[in-house]
């Protein structure tokens, strides 16, 4: 007879996983903001791209990851998706900042 964890524990772990992923994306986006040259590892020319182009390319990269899911069980397969989400977050923040200047 297999024992299953209580539903509260499963929900708590899922909630913590979402918070951790959000934290990782925000940290990576801040790193890209401090060192835009690191965006070049995602796509050539991205470091000098305007926010609209950055958003479009990040959405494209995320779509590629969704169409070709890979499961590496914590050994780095999720990094491309996190990087794309961070670039998307940075692009949206840059666009919002630029709208405030107009």
N, C-alpha and C. Protein backbone atom coordinates (compact mmCIF):
# COMPACT_ATOMS: atom_id res chain seq x y z
N UNK A 1 0.84 -1.18 0.00
CA UNK A 1 0.00 0.00 0.00
C UNK A 1 0.88 1.24 0.00
N UNK A 2 0.74 2.07 -1.02
CA UNK A 2 1.54 3.28 -1.13
C UNK A 2 0.88 4.40 -0.35
N UNK A 3 1.70 5.14 0.34
CA UNK A 3 1.20 6.28 1.10
C UNK A 3 1.33 7.54 0.24
N UNK A 4 0.32 8.37 0.27
CA UNK A 4 0.39 9.62 -0.46
C UNK A 4 0.44 10.77 0.54
N UNK A 5 1.12 11.85 0.17
CA UNK A 5 1.21 12.98 1.10
C UNK A 5 -0.15 13.64 1.26
N UNK A 6 -0.37 14.28 2.37
CA UNK A 6 -1.64 14.98 2.57
C UNK A 6 -1.78 16.12 1.54
N UNK A 7 -3.01 16.41 1.13
CA UNK A 7 -3.22 17.45 0.11
C UNK A 7 -2.65 18.80 0.50
N UNK A 8 -2.67 19.13 1.78
CA UNK A 8 -2.12 20.41 2.22
C UNK A 8 -0.63 20.49 1.94
N UNK A 9 0.07 19.39 2.11
CA UNK A 9 1.52 19.38 1.86
C UNK A 9 1.81 19.56 0.38
N UNK A 10 1.02 18.92 -0.46
CA UNK A 10 1.21 19.04 -1.91
C UNK A 10 0.96 20.48 -2.34
N UNK A 11 -0.09 21.09 -1.84
CA UNK A 11 -0.40 22.49 -2.17
C UNK A 11 0.70 23.42 -1.67
N UNK A 12 1.21 23.16 -0.48
CA UNK A 12 2.27 24.00 0.07
C UNK A 12 3.55 23.91 -0.78
N UNK A 13 3.88 22.70 -1.22
CA UNK A 13 5.08 22.52 -2.05
C UNK A 13 4.88 23.20 -3.40
N UNK A 14 3.70 23.07 -4.00
CA UNK A 14 3.42 23.71 -5.29
C UNK A 14 3.50 25.23 -5.16
N UNK A 15 2.96 25.77 -4.08
CA UNK A 15 3.00 27.22 -3.87
C UNK A 15 4.44 27.69 -3.69
N UNK A 16 5.23 26.95 -2.95
CA UNK A 16 6.63 27.32 -2.75
C UNK A 16 7.40 27.23 -4.08
N UNK A 17 7.09 26.26 -4.89
CA UNK A 17 7.74 26.12 -6.20
C UNK A 17 7.43 27.33 -7.08
N UNK A 18 6.19 27.79 -7.07
CA UNK A 18 5.82 28.98 -7.85
C UNK A 18 6.56 30.21 -7.35
N UNK A 19 6.65 30.37 -6.03
CA UNK A 19 7.36 31.53 -5.46
C UNK A 19 8.84 31.48 -5.82
N UNK A 20 9.43 30.31 -5.76
CA UNK A 20 10.85 30.16 -6.09
C UNK A 20 11.11 30.47 -7.56
N UNK A 21 10.25 29.97 -8.43
CA UNK A 21 10.41 30.25 -9.86
C UNK A 21 10.28 31.74 -10.14
N UNK A 22 9.30 32.40 -9.52
CA UNK A 22 9.13 33.84 -9.71
C UNK A 22 10.35 34.61 -9.22
N UNK A 23 10.89 34.19 -8.09
CA UNK A 23 12.09 34.83 -7.54
C UNK A 23 13.28 34.66 -8.50
N UNK A 24 13.43 33.47 -9.05
CA UNK A 24 14.53 33.21 -9.97
C UNK A 24 14.40 34.07 -11.24
N UNK A 25 13.19 34.20 -11.76
CA UNK A 25 12.96 35.01 -12.96
C UNK A 25 13.27 36.47 -12.66
N UNK A 26 12.82 36.98 -11.52
CA UNK A 26 13.08 38.38 -11.17
C UNK A 26 14.57 38.64 -10.99
N UNK A 27 15.26 37.73 -10.34
CA UNK A 27 16.71 37.90 -10.15
C UNK A 27 17.43 37.90 -11.49
N UNK A 28 17.04 37.02 -12.39
CA UNK A 28 17.68 36.96 -13.71
C UNK A 28 17.38 38.22 -14.51
N UNK A 29 16.14 38.73 -14.42
CA UNK A 29 15.78 39.96 -15.13
C UNK A 29 16.60 41.13 -14.61
N UNK A 30 16.79 41.21 -13.30
CA UNK A 30 17.62 42.28 -12.73
C UNK A 30 19.07 42.15 -13.19
N UNK A 31 19.55 40.92 -13.30
CA UNK A 31 20.91 40.70 -13.79
C UNK A 31 21.03 41.16 -15.24
N UNK A 32 20.03 40.84 -16.06
CA UNK A 32 20.04 41.30 -17.45
C UNK A 32 20.00 42.82 -17.52
N UNK A 33 19.26 43.46 -16.61
CA UNK A 33 19.19 44.92 -16.60
C UNK A 33 20.55 45.53 -16.24
N UNK A 34 21.26 44.89 -15.30
CA UNK A 34 22.59 45.39 -14.91
C UNK A 34 23.64 45.11 -15.97
N UNK A 35 23.53 43.96 -16.63
CA UNK A 35 24.53 43.54 -17.63
C UNK A 35 23.80 43.09 -18.89
N UNK A 36 23.35 44.03 -19.71
CA UNK A 36 22.57 43.67 -20.90
C UNK A 36 23.32 42.77 -21.88
N UNK A 37 24.63 42.78 -21.87
CA UNK A 37 25.39 41.95 -22.79
C UNK A 37 25.07 40.46 -22.59
N UNK A 38 24.61 40.10 -21.40
CA UNK A 38 24.26 38.70 -21.14
C UNK A 38 23.04 38.25 -21.93
N UNK A 39 22.25 39.19 -22.42
CA UNK A 39 21.11 38.84 -23.27
C UNK A 39 21.56 38.24 -24.59
N UNK A 40 22.81 38.50 -24.96
CA UNK A 40 23.35 37.96 -26.22
C UNK A 40 23.39 36.43 -26.21
N UNK A 41 23.43 35.83 -25.04
CA UNK A 41 23.44 34.37 -24.98
C UNK A 41 22.09 33.78 -25.37
N UNK A 42 21.03 34.58 -25.24
CA UNK A 42 19.69 34.12 -25.62
C UNK A 42 19.47 34.24 -27.12
N UNK A 43 19.89 35.39 -27.68
CA UNK A 43 19.65 35.66 -29.09
C UNK A 43 20.60 36.79 -29.51
N UNK A 44 21.29 36.63 -30.63
CA UNK A 44 22.24 37.67 -31.06
C UNK A 44 21.55 39.01 -31.29
N UNK A 45 22.15 40.07 -30.79
CA UNK A 45 21.63 41.42 -30.96
C UNK A 45 20.62 41.84 -29.93
N UNK A 46 20.30 40.99 -29.00
CA UNK A 46 19.26 41.28 -28.02
C UNK A 46 19.68 42.34 -27.01
N UNK A 47 20.97 42.47 -26.77
CA UNK A 47 21.45 43.43 -25.78
C UNK A 47 21.13 44.87 -26.19
N UNK A 48 21.08 45.15 -27.48
CA UNK A 48 20.83 46.51 -27.96
C UNK A 48 19.40 46.68 -28.47
N UNK A 49 18.56 45.68 -28.30
CA UNK A 49 17.21 45.71 -28.85
C UNK A 49 16.31 46.66 -28.06
N UNK A 50 15.33 47.22 -28.75
CA UNK A 50 14.31 48.05 -28.10
C UNK A 50 13.38 47.13 -27.32
N UNK A 51 12.64 47.67 -26.35
CA UNK A 51 11.76 46.82 -25.54
C UNK A 51 10.78 45.98 -26.35
N UNK A 52 10.22 46.55 -27.41
CA UNK A 52 9.25 45.81 -28.22
C UNK A 52 9.90 44.59 -28.87
N UNK A 53 11.12 44.76 -29.38
CA UNK A 53 11.84 43.64 -29.99
C UNK A 53 12.22 42.61 -28.93
N UNK A 54 12.64 43.07 -27.78
CA UNK A 54 13.00 42.17 -26.69
C UNK A 54 11.80 41.32 -26.27
N UNK A 55 10.65 41.94 -26.17
CA UNK A 55 9.43 41.22 -25.80
C UNK A 55 9.07 40.20 -26.87
N UNK A 56 9.12 40.61 -28.13
CA UNK A 56 8.75 39.72 -29.23
C UNK A 56 9.67 38.50 -29.29
N UNK A 57 10.96 38.72 -29.15
CA UNK A 57 11.91 37.61 -29.21
C UNK A 57 11.75 36.70 -27.99
N UNK A 58 11.55 37.28 -26.82
CA UNK A 58 11.35 36.47 -25.61
C UNK A 58 10.09 35.62 -25.73
N UNK A 59 9.01 36.20 -26.28
CA UNK A 59 7.78 35.42 -26.47
C UNK A 59 8.02 34.29 -27.47
N UNK A 60 8.79 34.57 -28.51
CA UNK A 60 9.12 33.54 -29.49
C UNK A 60 9.93 32.41 -28.84
N UNK A 61 10.91 32.77 -28.03
CA UNK A 61 11.72 31.76 -27.35
C UNK A 61 10.87 30.92 -26.40
N UNK A 62 9.93 31.55 -25.72
CA UNK A 62 9.03 30.81 -24.82
C UNK A 62 8.13 29.86 -25.61
N UNK A 63 7.67 30.31 -26.76
CA UNK A 63 6.82 29.46 -27.59
C UNK A 63 7.59 28.23 -28.07
N UNK A 64 8.85 28.42 -28.43
CA UNK A 64 9.69 27.29 -28.83
C UNK A 64 9.81 26.30 -27.68
N UNK A 65 10.02 26.81 -26.47
CA UNK A 65 10.14 25.92 -25.31
C UNK A 65 8.83 25.19 -25.03
N UNK A 66 7.70 25.85 -25.25
CA UNK A 66 6.41 25.20 -25.01
C UNK A 66 6.13 24.12 -26.05
N UNK A 67 6.55 24.37 -27.29
CA UNK A 67 6.30 23.39 -28.35
C UNK A 67 7.21 22.19 -28.24
N UNK A 68 8.39 22.37 -27.68
CA UNK A 68 9.36 21.29 -27.54
C UNK A 68 9.73 21.09 -26.07
N UNK A 69 8.79 20.63 -25.26
CA UNK A 69 9.11 20.47 -23.84
C UNK A 69 10.16 19.40 -23.61
N UNK A 70 11.05 19.70 -22.70
CA UNK A 70 12.08 18.74 -22.30
C UNK A 70 12.04 18.61 -20.79
N UNK A 71 12.22 17.44 -20.33
CA UNK A 71 12.25 17.20 -18.89
C UNK A 71 13.62 16.66 -18.53
N UNK A 72 14.36 17.46 -17.81
CA UNK A 72 15.71 17.06 -17.40
C UNK A 72 15.77 16.83 -15.91
N UNK A 73 14.64 16.90 -15.22
CA UNK A 73 14.56 16.59 -13.79
C UNK A 73 15.56 17.39 -12.97
N UNK A 74 15.59 18.70 -13.21
CA UNK A 74 16.40 19.57 -12.38
C UNK A 74 17.85 19.68 -12.79
N UNK A 75 18.20 19.16 -13.96
CA UNK A 75 19.60 19.22 -14.37
C UNK A 75 19.84 20.26 -15.45
N UNK A 76 19.06 21.32 -15.48
CA UNK A 76 19.32 22.43 -16.39
C UNK A 76 18.36 22.58 -17.54
N UNK A 77 17.42 21.70 -17.74
CA UNK A 77 16.48 21.81 -18.84
C UNK A 77 15.55 23.00 -18.72
N UNK A 78 15.32 23.47 -17.52
CA UNK A 78 14.40 24.58 -17.30
C UNK A 78 15.06 25.94 -17.49
N UNK A 79 16.35 26.00 -17.67
CA UNK A 79 17.07 27.27 -17.71
C UNK A 79 16.66 28.12 -18.90
N UNK A 80 16.46 27.53 -20.08
CA UNK A 80 16.08 28.33 -21.25
C UNK A 80 14.75 29.02 -21.04
N UNK A 81 13.80 28.34 -20.45
CA UNK A 81 12.49 28.93 -20.19
C UNK A 81 12.61 30.05 -19.15
N UNK A 82 13.39 29.85 -18.11
CA UNK A 82 13.57 30.89 -17.10
C UNK A 82 14.25 32.11 -17.70
N UNK A 83 15.25 31.91 -18.55
CA UNK A 83 15.94 33.02 -19.20
C UNK A 83 14.98 33.79 -20.10
N UNK A 84 14.16 33.08 -20.86
CA UNK A 84 13.20 33.74 -21.75
C UNK A 84 12.17 34.52 -20.96
N UNK A 85 11.70 33.95 -19.85
CA UNK A 85 10.73 34.66 -19.00
C UNK A 85 11.38 35.91 -18.38
N UNK A 86 12.64 35.82 -18.01
CA UNK A 86 13.34 36.97 -17.45
C UNK A 86 13.51 38.06 -18.50
N UNK A 87 13.84 37.68 -19.73
CA UNK A 87 13.96 38.66 -20.81
C UNK A 87 12.61 39.32 -21.09
N UNK A 88 11.55 38.53 -21.04
CA UNK A 88 10.20 39.07 -21.23
C UNK A 88 9.85 40.06 -20.13
N UNK A 89 10.15 39.71 -18.90
CA UNK A 89 9.90 40.61 -17.76
C UNK A 89 10.70 41.91 -17.91
N UNK A 90 11.96 41.79 -18.29
CA UNK A 90 12.79 42.98 -18.49
C UNK A 90 12.24 43.85 -19.61
N UNK A 91 11.85 43.24 -20.73
CA UNK A 91 11.29 44.00 -21.84
C UNK A 91 10.04 44.75 -21.44
N UNK A 92 9.18 44.10 -20.69
CA UNK A 92 7.94 44.76 -20.24
C UNK A 92 8.24 45.91 -19.28
N UNK A 93 9.22 45.71 -18.39
CA UNK A 93 9.60 46.78 -17.47
C UNK A 93 10.21 47.96 -18.22
N UNK A 94 11.03 47.68 -19.22
CA UNK A 94 11.63 48.75 -20.03
C UNK A 94 10.55 49.51 -20.81
N UNK A 95 9.59 48.78 -21.36
CA UNK A 95 8.50 49.42 -22.11
C UNK A 95 7.68 50.33 -21.19
N UNK A 96 7.39 49.84 -19.98
CA UNK A 96 6.63 50.63 -19.01
C UNK A 96 7.40 51.88 -18.62
N UNK A 97 8.71 51.75 -18.42
CA UNK A 97 9.54 52.90 -18.07
C UNK A 97 9.56 53.92 -19.20
N UNK A 98 9.66 53.44 -20.43
CA UNK A 98 9.70 54.35 -21.57
C UNK A 98 8.38 55.06 -21.79
N UNK A 99 7.25 54.41 -21.49
CA UNK A 99 5.95 55.06 -21.61
C UNK A 99 5.82 56.21 -20.63
N UNK A 100 6.40 56.06 -19.46
CA UNK A 100 6.35 57.11 -18.45
C UNK A 100 7.14 58.35 -18.84
N UNK A 101 8.10 58.20 -19.72
CA UNK A 101 8.94 59.33 -20.15
C UNK A 101 8.29 60.15 -21.25
N UNK A 102 7.28 59.60 -21.92
CA UNK A 102 6.64 60.32 -23.03
C UNK A 102 5.62 61.29 -22.55
